[in-house]
Each structure stands twice: as C-alpha cells, then as structure tokens.
Amino acid sequence: MLYTFAKADYSAQQLQYYLAQCGEKDAVLLWQDGVLLALKYPQLLADCYVLDIDVQARNILELLPQKVRLISLIDLVQLTEQYYPQLSL
C-alpha cells in the first residue's frame, strides 16, 4: 500500500498511529504540504519518499534528513504502480 500525506498538521501521536500500519511491502510518500512532516518529525519519517517539486517550492531541500528519498513526478507514477492501493491522508 502507498500511504500519502499531503498535510503537515498531524500530531506525533496521529502520525505514529498511521505509520504503525505500514509493513515491509508498503511505502510512505510526502507531497504538497506533507513534505514539511519530514522536518517536523525526522525520526518518524526518515525512510520515506518526498516529491521534489514540493520540496523545491518550499525551499527546504537542504533541511531534509539524508535518508529521505527525493522523487520526480515520473517516479511517483512508478510508485503508484508498484504500491497498490493508495491511502491518501
């Protein structure tokens, strides 16, 4: 399953709840304002995907944790093909 986060207003408790549902065969994507979660909770979202255009739009590239994986829109399409279904949060 692909878990996508488009907002940055989750509490640590809410985020931990959602991430606890993720298994080895799941992926987490941060996009839109959700990319800010990688800065807000770096320990929780160190191993996730972030959409590069949203990172660039917010000028936070240099602030992101090293483990975060930047992806393009083309990569996003491939993620949606690989991880199905998608849960948008």
N, C-alpha and C. Protein backbone atom coordinates (compact mmCIF):
# COMPACT_ATOMS: atom_id res chain seq x y z
N MET A 1 0.85 -1.17 0.00
CA MET A 1 0.00 0.00 0.00
C MET A 1 0.90 1.24 0.00
N LEU A 2 0.43 2.28 -0.65
CA LEU A 2 1.13 3.56 -0.67
C LEU A 2 0.38 4.54 0.22
N TYR A 3 1.03 4.96 1.29
CA TYR A 3 0.47 5.95 2.20
C TYR A 3 0.96 7.32 1.77
N THR A 4 0.06 8.23 1.46
CA THR A 4 0.46 9.57 1.04
C THR A 4 -0.05 10.60 2.03
N PHE A 5 0.83 11.51 2.39
CA PHE A 5 0.50 12.57 3.33
C PHE A 5 0.63 13.91 2.61
N ALA A 6 -0.46 14.65 2.54
CA ALA A 6 -0.49 15.93 1.82
C ALA A 6 -0.58 17.13 2.76
N LYS A 7 -0.75 16.89 4.05
CA LYS A 7 -0.86 17.98 5.02
C LYS A 7 0.22 17.82 6.08
N ALA A 8 0.54 18.91 6.76
CA ALA A 8 1.61 18.88 7.77
C ALA A 8 1.08 19.08 9.18
N ASP A 9 -0.21 18.97 9.37
CA ASP A 9 -0.79 19.28 10.68
C ASP A 9 -1.08 18.06 11.55
N TYR A 10 -0.41 16.96 11.30
CA TYR A 10 -0.60 15.76 12.12
C TYR A 10 0.21 15.88 13.41
N SER A 11 -0.34 15.39 14.49
CA SER A 11 0.43 15.31 15.73
C SER A 11 1.35 14.09 15.64
N ALA A 12 2.33 14.04 16.52
CA ALA A 12 3.24 12.89 16.53
C ALA A 12 2.46 11.61 16.81
N GLN A 13 1.47 11.69 17.68
CA GLN A 13 0.67 10.51 18.02
C GLN A 13 -0.13 10.02 16.81
N GLN A 14 -0.76 10.94 16.08
CA GLN A 14 -1.51 10.55 14.88
C GLN A 14 -0.59 9.92 13.85
N LEU A 15 0.54 10.54 13.65
CA LEU A 15 1.48 10.04 12.66
C LEU A 15 2.01 8.66 13.04
N GLN A 16 2.33 8.46 14.30
CA GLN A 16 2.79 7.15 14.76
C GLN A 16 1.72 6.10 14.54
N TYR A 17 0.46 6.46 14.76
CA TYR A 17 -0.63 5.51 14.54
C TYR A 17 -0.66 5.06 13.08
N TYR A 18 -0.62 6.02 12.16
CA TYR A 18 -0.66 5.67 10.73
C TYR A 18 0.57 4.87 10.31
N LEU A 19 1.73 5.28 10.79
CA LEU A 19 2.96 4.60 10.39
C LEU A 19 3.04 3.19 10.98
N ALA A 20 2.38 2.96 12.10
CA ALA A 20 2.35 1.62 12.69
C ALA A 20 1.61 0.64 11.79
N GLN A 21 0.75 1.14 10.93
CA GLN A 21 0.01 0.30 10.00
C GLN A 21 0.86 -0.14 8.81
N CYS A 22 1.96 0.56 8.58
CA CYS A 22 2.82 0.27 7.43
C CYS A 22 3.63 -1.00 7.67
N GLY A 23 3.71 -1.81 6.63
CA GLY A 23 4.52 -3.02 6.69
C GLY A 23 5.70 -2.93 5.75
N GLU A 24 6.41 -4.03 5.62
CA GLU A 24 7.60 -4.08 4.76
C GLU A 24 7.27 -3.83 3.30
N LYS A 25 6.07 -4.17 2.90
CA LYS A 25 5.68 -4.04 1.49
C LYS A 25 4.93 -2.75 1.21
N ASP A 26 5.01 -1.80 2.13
CA ASP A 26 4.33 -0.52 1.99
C ASP A 26 5.35 0.60 1.81
N ALA A 27 4.87 1.74 1.32
CA ALA A 27 5.72 2.92 1.16
C ALA A 27 4.98 4.14 1.65
N VAL A 28 5.75 5.15 2.06
CA VAL A 28 5.20 6.42 2.53
C VAL A 28 5.71 7.52 1.62
N LEU A 29 4.78 8.34 1.14
CA LEU A 29 5.11 9.48 0.29
C LEU A 29 4.60 10.76 0.94
N LEU A 30 5.47 11.76 0.98
CA LEU A 30 5.09 13.08 1.45
C LEU A 30 5.04 14.00 0.25
N TRP A 31 3.92 14.71 0.10
CA TRP A 31 3.80 15.65 -1.01
C TRP A 31 2.96 16.83 -0.56
N GLN A 32 2.87 17.83 -1.41
CA GLN A 32 2.20 19.09 -1.07
C GLN A 32 2.77 19.57 0.27
N ASP A 33 1.93 20.04 1.20
CA ASP A 33 2.45 20.48 2.49
C ASP A 33 2.95 19.33 3.35
N GLY A 34 2.64 18.11 2.98
CA GLY A 34 3.12 16.95 3.71
C GLY A 34 4.63 16.83 3.74
N VAL A 35 5.33 17.45 2.79
CA VAL A 35 6.80 17.39 2.79
C VAL A 35 7.37 18.03 4.05
N LEU A 36 6.62 18.92 4.66
CA LEU A 36 7.08 19.57 5.90
C LEU A 36 7.14 18.59 7.07
N LEU A 37 6.42 17.49 6.97
CA LEU A 37 6.47 16.47 8.04
C LEU A 37 7.86 15.88 8.19
N ALA A 38 8.62 15.82 7.11
CA ALA A 38 9.99 15.28 7.18
C ALA A 38 10.87 16.17 8.05
N LEU A 39 10.55 17.45 8.13
CA LEU A 39 11.29 18.37 9.00
C LEU A 39 10.73 18.36 10.42
N LYS A 40 9.43 18.25 10.51
CA LYS A 40 8.75 18.29 11.81
C LYS A 40 9.02 17.03 12.63
N TYR A 41 9.02 15.87 11.96
CA TYR A 41 9.23 14.58 12.64
C TYR A 41 10.28 13.76 11.91
N PRO A 42 11.53 14.21 11.89
CA PRO A 42 12.56 13.49 11.11
C PRO A 42 12.80 12.06 11.61
N GLN A 43 12.62 11.82 12.90
CA GLN A 43 12.84 10.48 13.43
C GLN A 43 11.76 9.50 12.98
N LEU A 44 10.57 9.99 12.72
CA LEU A 44 9.47 9.13 12.29
C LEU A 44 9.46 8.89 10.79
N LEU A 45 9.93 9.88 10.03
CA LEU A 45 9.80 9.82 8.58
C LEU A 45 11.16 9.85 7.88
N ALA A 46 12.15 9.26 8.50
CA ALA A 46 13.49 9.27 7.91
C ALA A 46 13.54 8.45 6.63
N ASP A 47 12.75 7.40 6.55
CA ASP A 47 12.80 6.50 5.40
C ASP A 47 11.50 6.60 4.60
N CYS A 48 11.38 7.70 3.86
CA CYS A 48 10.17 7.90 3.07
C CYS A 48 10.53 8.58 1.76
N TYR A 49 9.54 8.73 0.91
CA TYR A 49 9.71 9.43 -0.36
C TYR A 49 9.11 10.83 -0.22
N VAL A 50 9.75 11.81 -0.86
CA VAL A 50 9.19 13.16 -0.90
C VAL A 50 9.23 13.65 -2.34
N LEU A 51 8.20 14.34 -2.73
CA LEU A 51 8.10 14.82 -4.11
C LEU A 51 8.98 16.06 -4.29
N ASP A 52 9.90 15.97 -5.24
CA ASP A 52 10.91 17.02 -5.41
C ASP A 52 10.33 18.40 -5.71
N ILE A 53 9.28 18.48 -6.51
CA ILE A 53 8.75 19.80 -6.85
C ILE A 53 8.13 20.49 -5.64
N ASP A 54 7.58 19.71 -4.71
CA ASP A 54 7.02 20.30 -3.50
C ASP A 54 8.12 20.75 -2.54
N VAL A 55 9.21 20.01 -2.50
CA VAL A 55 10.37 20.40 -1.70
C VAL A 55 10.97 21.69 -2.25
N GLN A 56 11.12 21.75 -3.56
CA GLN A 56 11.69 22.94 -4.19
C GLN A 56 10.78 24.16 -4.00
N ALA A 57 9.48 23.96 -4.11
CA ALA A 57 8.53 25.06 -3.95
C ALA A 57 8.60 25.67 -2.55
N ARG A 58 8.98 24.86 -1.56
CA ARG A 58 9.06 25.32 -0.18
C ARG A 58 10.49 25.65 0.24
N ASN A 59 11.43 25.47 -0.68
CA ASN A 59 12.84 25.79 -0.45
C ASN A 59 13.40 25.11 0.80
N ILE A 60 13.16 23.81 0.92
CA ILE A 60 13.61 23.08 2.12
C ILE A 60 14.57 21.94 1.79
N LEU A 61 15.07 21.90 0.58
CA LEU A 61 15.93 20.79 0.15
C LEU A 61 17.10 20.56 1.10
N GLU A 62 17.79 21.62 1.47
CA GLU A 62 18.98 21.48 2.31
C GLU A 62 18.65 21.15 3.76
N LEU A 63 17.40 21.24 4.15
CA LEU A 63 16.99 20.95 5.52
C LEU A 63 16.53 19.51 5.72
N LEU A 64 16.31 18.79 4.63
CA LEU A 64 15.76 17.44 4.73
C LEU A 64 16.77 16.45 5.30
N PRO A 65 16.29 15.47 6.07
CA PRO A 65 17.17 14.40 6.54
C PRO A 65 17.76 13.63 5.35
N GLN A 66 18.95 13.09 5.53
CA GLN A 66 19.64 12.41 4.43
C GLN A 66 18.94 11.16 3.93
N LYS A 67 18.23 10.47 4.79
CA LYS A 67 17.58 9.22 4.38
C LYS A 67 16.34 9.42 3.52
N VAL A 68 15.78 10.63 3.54
CA VAL A 68 14.60 10.93 2.74
C VAL A 68 14.97 10.82 1.26
N ARG A 69 14.08 10.19 0.48
CA ARG A 69 14.35 9.98 -0.95
C ARG A 69 13.51 10.92 -1.80
N LEU A 70 14.19 11.81 -2.49
CA LEU A 70 13.51 12.73 -3.41
C LEU A 70 13.09 11.99 -4.66
N ILE A 71 11.87 12.21 -5.10
CA ILE A 71 11.40 11.58 -6.33
C ILE A 71 10.73 12.61 -7.23
N SER A 72 10.74 12.32 -8.51
CA SER A 72 10.09 13.17 -9.50
C SER A 72 8.66 12.70 -9.72
N LEU A 73 7.93 13.44 -10.54
CA LEU A 73 6.57 13.02 -10.88
C LEU A 73 6.56 11.69 -11.63
N ILE A 74 7.57 11.47 -12.46
CA ILE A 74 7.68 10.19 -13.17
C ILE A 74 7.89 9.05 -12.17
N ASP A 75 8.76 9.29 -11.18
CA ASP A 75 8.97 8.29 -10.12
C ASP A 75 7.68 8.04 -9.34
N LEU A 76 6.90 9.08 -9.14
CA LEU A 76 5.63 8.95 -8.42
C LEU A 76 4.68 8.01 -9.16
N VAL A 77 4.63 8.14 -10.46
CA VAL A 77 3.78 7.24 -11.26
C VAL A 77 4.23 5.80 -11.06
N GLN A 78 5.54 5.57 -11.06
CA GLN A 78 6.06 4.22 -10.84
C GLN A 78 5.73 3.71 -9.44
N LEU A 79 5.79 4.59 -8.45
CA LEU A 79 5.42 4.19 -7.08
C LEU A 79 3.97 3.74 -7.01
N THR A 80 3.09 4.49 -7.68
CA THR A 80 1.67 4.12 -7.65
C THR A 80 1.42 2.80 -8.36
N GLU A 81 2.25 2.46 -9.33
CA GLU A 81 2.12 1.17 -9.99
C GLU A 81 2.65 0.04 -9.11
N GLN A 82 3.69 0.34 -8.35
CA GLN A 82 4.33 -0.68 -7.51
C GLN A 82 3.56 -0.93 -6.21
N TYR A 83 3.04 0.14 -5.60
CA TYR A 83 2.35 0.02 -4.32
C TYR A 83 0.88 0.34 -4.52
N TYR A 84 0.05 -0.67 -4.36
CA TYR A 84 -1.38 -0.52 -4.59
C TYR A 84 -2.11 -1.22 -3.46
N PRO A 85 -3.16 -0.67 -2.97
CA PRO A 85 -3.82 0.60 -3.27
C PRO A 85 -3.10 1.76 -2.59
N GLN A 86 -3.63 2.95 -2.82
CA GLN A 86 -3.10 4.16 -2.20
C GLN A 86 -4.06 4.63 -1.12
N LEU A 87 -3.50 5.02 0.02
CA LEU A 87 -4.29 5.61 1.10
C LEU A 87 -3.83 7.05 1.27
N SER A 88 -4.70 7.98 0.93
CA SER A 88 -4.36 9.40 0.99
C SER A 88 -4.78 9.95 2.34
N LEU A 89 -3.81 10.50 3.06
CA LEU A 89 -4.08 11.04 4.40
C LEU A 89 -3.80 12.52 4.45
